[in-house]
């Protein structure tokens, strides 16, 4: 979802969190990552209230849940309509599924924005949506991809996984799925033409 369908810029979250009195963002971010904070969030081991409290504890002033959610969602910076139209076009020729490492606050924001901007439900673009925090599993674990294949009745050798992070692509490859790493400066619309995958697109 992030980095493929919606634009991400984590620096914006840093800016908005600093406005809430959370200083030394990078240092605290590195410490939280080292302590497994983001992994717990991605797998749903902890939820939105826990996240808000962690952020609130880092702030030097009183902050509301709404302020914290707004700051956390600030890293989601764009919903390019051509990408969402592409998915609607691709559904004529392919079975589409979404697998995203995410959390309760981000998914709520994305679902609301898609409904508001485009007038349809985000889930209507896919056969099924797999959010990591709801599954209790996350990329790049091979078991996560194997679960999706089994649950959706997909065959890895007949499937393509597109992601902006190489580690996630490696996990999918280990599960027998074709992959394409969407490198910086490219977007998913570059891979398709007339609702079909371009024949010269590199699959790994």
Foldseek 3Di string as FASTA:
>chain_A
DEPAQFDFDVVQLVVLLVVQAQPPVVVVVVVCVVVCVLVCQQLQVDALVVVVVVSCVRHPDDDDSVSNLCSVQRRRPGRPVVSVVLLVLLVVPDADEEEDRDHDSNVVVVQVVCCVPPVDGPQVSHPYYHRNSVNSHHPPALVVLVVVCVVVVHDQCVAEAEDQDVRNCVSSVVNNHKYAHQYPPGHPVVQDDSNHGDPPGDID
